[in-house]
Each structure stands twice: as C-alpha cells, then as structure tokens.
C-alpha cells in the first residue's frame, strides 16, 4: 500500500462532509507563483479522485508529506475553517532532526509572518505573532560518521504537535532550538542533508503530517485520521532502527 501511495495522492478518509488524502512529499497543494511550470497539484488530484468539488481547509508545505483535509460542500468548509481557526484540530507530525532533541518540551517562540521572501509595500516584513510547538523524542541514534566537527553524528525521531498555525512553523521552530529538520533546504544544514542523500538516498524533507483529530462538527463524535509516513520516510526510519516508532498511531488530544 505504501509503495503504491508514493508520489501520488490517495484518499485515506471520507464521510459525507469531509475527505482526507495523503499528499506526497514534493507536491504543491495548489497552483502557486512559486512554480508556474508545475502541472500536478494535490487539490486537483483529490478532486479527480473524489469526483466532486472540494474545499481546502489547511495547507502543507510542498516538501512536507502527509494528511490534507478537505470539505465536500460550503457548509463543511465553513465549519471546518472554524475548527482550524479556533485550534479545534489536533495535528501530529513526525520529523527526523539533527542531534538529540530533549525528551519533551514546548517551543514558545514568536514568528514573523512568512511572506515568501516578499515584503510589504512600505518595505516592512511580516507581523510578529505568537507561536507554540510541543514535541517529544520517540527515538535517537548515533552514527559513526563525522558529518560535522564531531567524530560521530546524532539524529532524533520526534513527534511534533503544533499549537498554532504559522507558516513553516515547525521547520522554523526546530531551527530556533538548534535541531533543524533533516532535508530542509531553507532552514536546515547542508552537510546533514548531503549525508542523508549519500548514505540513505534520501533527498526529501523528513517531515510528515501523520494524524488529525477533532470533534466532528456534524456528528459530535471524535474523528481521528491517521496515516503513517510514505515509504521514502519509512525507509530512512528503518535504516536507523525506528520503523516501529514511525508506524505507531500516536495518541490523540495531547496538547
């Protein structure tokens, strides 16, 4: 199943009001001036699979893989947008980070609005906003390779729960605590990205959205949508001895 999903959008959850798909790493969510030559988009592929119009409720960075949630009609779009706007959705990510991250913690560090390299007409940057990210370390490894100035190199598998929704929040926060995510060409470290390409054949960002949970606005029941990372992520996790941890369905509702 995971091999079939690699590189393609696949439906992982559907009810009368919402539909969730797995977006592969490297795919844009929708058309963007960032890449005017791109022809494949998660939104369009999800609509083709569903056979109907869909309303996007949130976004993932292009290099991030994982769960995208859509609404099937305007009322679902309205209520779904309220859920995300009012922090009513618990989001869980997995990431491979440089170094051994602390066993658990919260990164409470305000972030400026990410304007995609642009500036406002008056020359100013984005507004500074509160941003919080919870995390815990699931596994760690020390490899006998001198990637930087040390004779060995360390990496961690982290479970991450953003408590706000700033653009590129997880990637920026993990850079802030000096544990950048492997494969991040914007906020990461080139030596470690290169090591993963050469050692594991991995050129992707090692960040995956694996779970969404929320109280369903139409049924009142707790909806839990889980999808393990795609094979390009799991193959690296397996090489580091972390496959079991990477496949585990995380508990819901922990903030």
Protein backbone atom coordinates (compact mmCIF):
# COMPACT_ATOMS: atom_id res chain seq x y z
CA UNK A 1 0.00 0.00 0.00
CA UNK A 2 2.71 2.47 0.92
CA UNK A 3 4.68 1.79 -2.26
CA UNK A 4 1.55 2.47 -4.32
CA UNK A 5 0.98 5.73 -2.48
CA UNK A 6 4.48 7.07 -3.08
CA UNK A 7 4.32 10.03 -5.44
CA UNK A 8 0.53 10.01 -5.74
CA UNK A 9 -2.42 11.42 -3.86
CA UNK A 10 -4.61 8.79 -2.19
CA UNK A 11 -7.86 9.01 -0.23
CA UNK A 12 -7.47 7.89 3.39
CA UNK A 13 -10.74 9.13 4.95
CA UNK A 14 -14.18 10.08 3.66
CA UNK A 15 -17.58 10.87 5.12
CA UNK A 16 -20.50 12.94 3.77
CA UNK A 17 -18.85 16.20 4.85
CA UNK A 18 -15.07 15.76 4.80
CA UNK A 19 -12.40 13.97 2.81
CA UNK A 20 -8.75 13.48 3.70
CA UNK A 21 -5.92 12.50 1.39
CA UNK A 22 -2.25 11.71 1.74
CA UNK A 23 -0.09 14.26 -0.12
CA UNK A 24 3.34 13.01 -1.20
CA UNK A 25 6.48 15.00 -0.48
CA UNK A 26 7.37 17.43 -3.25
CA UNK A 27 3.83 18.10 -4.46
CA UNK A 28 2.29 21.57 -4.31
CA UNK A 29 -1.11 21.78 -2.61
CA UNK A 30 -2.46 24.14 -5.29
CA UNK A 31 -1.28 26.40 -8.09
CA UNK A 32 1.34 28.84 -6.93
CA UNK A 33 3.59 31.57 -8.35
CA UNK A 34 6.42 29.66 -6.63
CA UNK A 35 6.42 27.26 -9.58
CA UNK A 36 4.48 28.34 -12.64
CA UNK A 37 5.65 25.29 -14.63
CA UNK A 38 4.23 22.71 -12.21
CA UNK A 39 1.30 20.70 -13.58
CA UNK A 40 0.37 18.43 -10.64
CA UNK A 41 -1.41 19.70 -7.54
CA UNK A 42 -2.85 17.88 -4.54
CA UNK A 43 -6.13 19.83 -4.70
CA UNK A 44 -6.82 18.90 -8.31
CA UNK A 45 -5.79 15.27 -7.85
CA UNK A 46 -8.03 14.99 -4.78
CA UNK A 47 -10.96 16.43 -6.75
CA UNK A 48 -10.31 13.94 -9.55
CA UNK A 49 -10.31 11.04 -7.09
CA UNK A 50 -13.41 12.27 -5.24
CA UNK A 51 -15.33 13.09 -8.41
CA UNK A 52 -16.63 16.35 -6.98
CA UNK A 53 -15.59 19.84 -5.96
CA UNK A 54 -13.60 20.05 -2.73
CA UNK A 55 -12.78 22.95 -0.41
CA UNK A 56 -9.26 23.09 1.03
CA UNK A 57 -9.23 23.54 4.81
CA UNK A 58 -5.49 23.87 5.51
CA UNK A 59 -2.12 23.53 3.78
CA UNK A 60 1.16 21.66 3.91
CA UNK A 61 4.49 22.94 2.66
CA UNK A 62 5.47 21.48 -0.69
CA UNK A 63 8.29 19.29 0.74
CA UNK A 64 6.13 18.01 3.62
CA UNK A 65 4.15 14.82 3.11
CA UNK A 66 1.02 13.72 4.91
CA UNK A 67 -2.62 14.37 5.62
CA UNK A 68 -4.63 17.10 3.90
CA UNK A 69 -8.25 17.68 4.88
CA UNK A 70 -10.96 18.98 2.53
CA UNK A 71 -14.64 19.80 2.89
CA UNK A 72 -17.20 18.42 0.44
CA UNK A 73 -19.54 21.44 0.46
CA UNK A 74 -19.75 25.07 1.55
CA UNK A 75 -21.25 24.30 4.96
CA UNK A 76 -18.49 21.80 5.66
CA UNK A 77 -15.96 24.38 4.51
CA UNK A 78 -17.39 26.95 6.91
CA UNK A 79 -17.43 24.64 9.91
CA UNK A 80 -14.08 23.09 9.02
CA UNK A 81 -12.46 26.51 8.73
CA UNK A 82 -13.83 27.37 12.18
CA UNK A 83 -12.22 24.25 13.61
CA UNK A 84 -8.78 25.20 12.30
CA UNK A 85 -9.21 28.87 13.13
CA UNK A 86 -10.21 28.09 16.74
CA UNK A 87 -7.46 25.49 17.30
CA UNK A 88 -10.03 22.70 17.28
CA UNK A 89 -7.83 20.31 15.32
CA UNK A 90 -5.04 18.31 16.95
CA UNK A 91 -2.22 17.88 14.44
CA UNK A 92 0.63 15.39 14.83
CA UNK A 93 3.78 15.30 12.73
CA UNK A 94 6.86 13.09 12.65
CA UNK A 95 10.29 14.53 11.90
CA UNK A 96 13.92 13.48 11.80
CA UNK A 97 16.01 16.20 13.41
CA UNK A 98 19.72 16.78 13.73
CA UNK A 99 21.08 15.98 17.20
CA UNK A 100 19.29 14.51 20.18
CA UNK A 101 16.32 16.73 20.87
CA UNK A 102 15.17 16.96 24.52
CA UNK A 103 12.87 14.18 25.70
CA UNK A 104 9.93 16.58 25.56
CA UNK A 105 9.19 20.26 25.59
CA UNK A 106 7.35 23.24 24.15
CA UNK A 107 8.95 25.77 21.84
CA UNK A 108 7.33 29.10 22.68
CA UNK A 109 8.89 31.49 20.19
CA UNK A 110 7.04 34.24 18.26
CA UNK A 111 7.44 34.20 14.49
CA UNK A 112 7.11 36.88 11.86
CA UNK A 113 4.57 36.20 9.13
CA UNK A 114 6.36 34.33 6.37
CA UNK A 115 5.78 36.42 3.25
CA UNK A 116 7.57 34.01 0.93
CA UNK A 117 10.60 36.29 0.56
CA UNK A 118 8.43 39.31 -0.26
CA UNK A 119 8.00 42.49 1.74
CA UNK A 120 5.06 44.79 2.25
CA UNK A 121 4.74 47.95 0.10
CA UNK A 122 6.23 50.03 2.93
CA UNK A 123 9.31 47.78 2.97
CA UNK A 124 8.45 46.11 6.27
CA UNK A 125 8.35 42.38 6.93
CA UNK A 126 5.57 40.29 8.41
CA UNK A 127 3.84 40.90 11.72
CA UNK A 128 5.29 39.09 14.73
CA UNK A 129 2.82 36.51 16.08
CA UNK A 130 2.80 34.08 18.98
CA UNK A 131 3.76 30.53 18.03
CA UNK A 132 3.99 27.36 20.14
CA UNK A 133 5.10 23.87 19.20
CA UNK A 134 5.01 20.84 21.51
CA UNK A 135 7.28 17.87 20.88
CA UNK A 136 8.68 14.68 22.36
CA UNK A 137 11.55 12.47 21.32
CA UNK A 138 10.50 9.00 20.18
CA UNK A 139 13.92 7.56 19.33
CA UNK A 140 17.53 8.57 18.75
CA UNK A 141 20.61 7.22 17.02
CA UNK A 142 24.33 7.95 16.96
CA UNK A 143 26.16 7.10 13.75
CA UNK A 144 29.95 6.59 13.39
CA UNK A 145 30.34 9.27 10.73
CA UNK A 146 31.98 12.68 11.06
CA UNK A 147 29.41 14.76 9.24
CA UNK A 148 30.43 17.98 11.01
CA UNK A 149 33.16 18.70 13.56
CA UNK A 150 32.47 15.63 15.72
CA UNK A 151 33.62 12.03 15.15
CA UNK A 152 30.01 10.81 15.32
CA UNK A 153 26.68 12.32 14.37
CA UNK A 154 23.34 12.17 16.16
CA UNK A 155 19.73 12.24 14.98
CA UNK A 156 16.31 12.04 16.61
CA UNK A 157 12.84 10.94 15.61
CA UNK A 158 10.42 13.49 17.08
CA UNK A 159 6.66 13.57 17.46
CA UNK A 160 5.54 17.17 16.98
CA UNK A 161 2.26 18.87 17.88
CA UNK A 162 1.98 22.48 16.70
CA UNK A 163 -0.29 24.55 18.91
CA UNK A 164 -0.56 27.41 16.44
CA UNK A 165 -0.58 27.55 12.66
CA UNK A 166 2.17 29.85 11.44
CA UNK A 167 3.65 29.22 8.01
CA UNK A 168 6.61 26.82 8.17
CA UNK A 169 6.27 26.93 11.96
CA UNK A 170 7.74 23.51 12.72
CA UNK A 171 10.73 23.99 10.47
CA UNK A 172 11.45 27.47 11.85
CA UNK A 173 10.98 26.40 15.47
CA UNK A 174 13.32 23.43 15.16
CA UNK A 175 15.96 25.65 13.62
CA UNK A 176 15.46 28.00 16.59
CA UNK A 177 16.31 25.23 19.10
CA UNK A 178 19.35 24.17 17.01
CA UNK A 179 17.81 20.86 15.91
CA UNK A 180 16.95 21.57 12.25
CA UNK A 181 14.91 19.00 10.36
CA UNK A 182 16.92 16.84 8.02
CA UNK A 183 16.33 17.63 4.35
CA UNK A 184 15.25 21.22 4.99
CA UNK A 185 17.00 23.24 2.30
CA UNK A 186 15.73 26.55 3.72
CA UNK A 187 16.20 26.23 7.49
CA UNK A 188 18.36 23.10 7.73
CA UNK A 189 22.06 22.31 7.49
CA UNK A 190 23.58 21.36 4.15
CA UNK A 191 26.15 18.87 5.47
CA UNK A 192 23.49 16.71 7.10
CA UNK A 193 21.16 16.98 4.12
CA UNK A 194 24.01 15.85 1.87
CA UNK A 195 24.86 12.95 4.23
CA UNK A 196 21.29 11.66 4.06
CA UNK A 197 21.31 11.87 0.27
CA UNK A 198 24.57 9.94 0.02
CA UNK A 199 24.04 7.46 2.85
CA UNK A 200 20.30 6.73 2.55
CA UNK A 201 19.41 8.00 -0.92
CA UNK A 202 17.05 10.46 0.76
CA UNK A 203 16.63 13.92 -0.77
CA UNK A 204 13.29 14.81 0.85
CA UNK A 205 12.36 16.90 3.87
CA UNK A 206 11.99 14.46 6.75
CA UNK A 207 8.71 15.89 7.99
CA UNK A 208 5.34 14.13 7.70
CA UNK A 209 1.83 15.03 8.91
CA UNK A 210 0.57 11.71 10.28
CA UNK A 211 -2.57 12.45 12.28
CA UNK A 212 -5.51 14.86 12.53
CA UNK A 213 -8.17 14.57 15.20
CA UNK A 214 -11.14 16.79 16.00
CA UNK A 215 -14.68 16.76 17.31
CA UNK A 216 -16.78 16.32 14.19
CA UNK A 217 -18.98 19.42 13.80
CA UNK A 218 -21.81 17.42 12.19
CA UNK A 219 -21.86 14.19 14.22
CA UNK A 220 -20.39 15.30 17.54
CA UNK A 221 -18.12 12.25 17.52
CA UNK A 222 -14.35 12.38 17.78
CA UNK A 223 -12.83 11.96 14.31
CA UNK A 224 -9.33 10.52 14.16
CA UNK A 225 -7.46 10.33 10.85
CA UNK A 226 -4.13 8.52 10.92
CA UNK A 227 -1.81 7.79 8.02
CA UNK A 228 1.78 6.55 8.51
CA UNK A 229 4.57 8.24 6.57
CA UNK A 230 5.24 7.24 2.98
CA UNK A 231 7.99 4.82 2.02
CA UNK A 232 10.64 7.49 1.39
CA UNK A 233 10.34 8.43 5.07
CA UNK A 234 9.93 4.90 6.42
CA UNK A 235 12.97 3.56 4.57
CA UNK A 236 15.19 6.02 6.43
CA UNK A 237 13.42 5.33 9.73
CA UNK A 238 14.00 1.62 9.16
CA UNK A 239 17.70 2.13 8.41
CA UNK A 240 18.02 3.97 11.73
CA UNK A 241 16.07 1.31 13.64
CA UNK A 242 12.98 3.48 14.08
CA UNK A 243 10.40 1.86 11.81
CA UNK A 244 8.19 0.59 14.65
CA UNK A 245 8.12 4.03 16.27
CA UNK A 246 7.40 5.72 12.93
CA UNK A 247 4.46 3.40 12.22
CA UNK A 248 2.81 3.78 15.63
CA UNK A 249 -0.53 5.58 15.78
CA UNK A 250 0.04 8.46 18.26
CA UNK A 251 -2.46 9.20 21.00
CA UNK A 252 -4.94 11.95 20.25
CA UNK A 253 -5.77 15.08 22.17
CA UNK A 254 -2.39 15.67 23.81
CA UNK A 255 -1.53 19.37 23.51
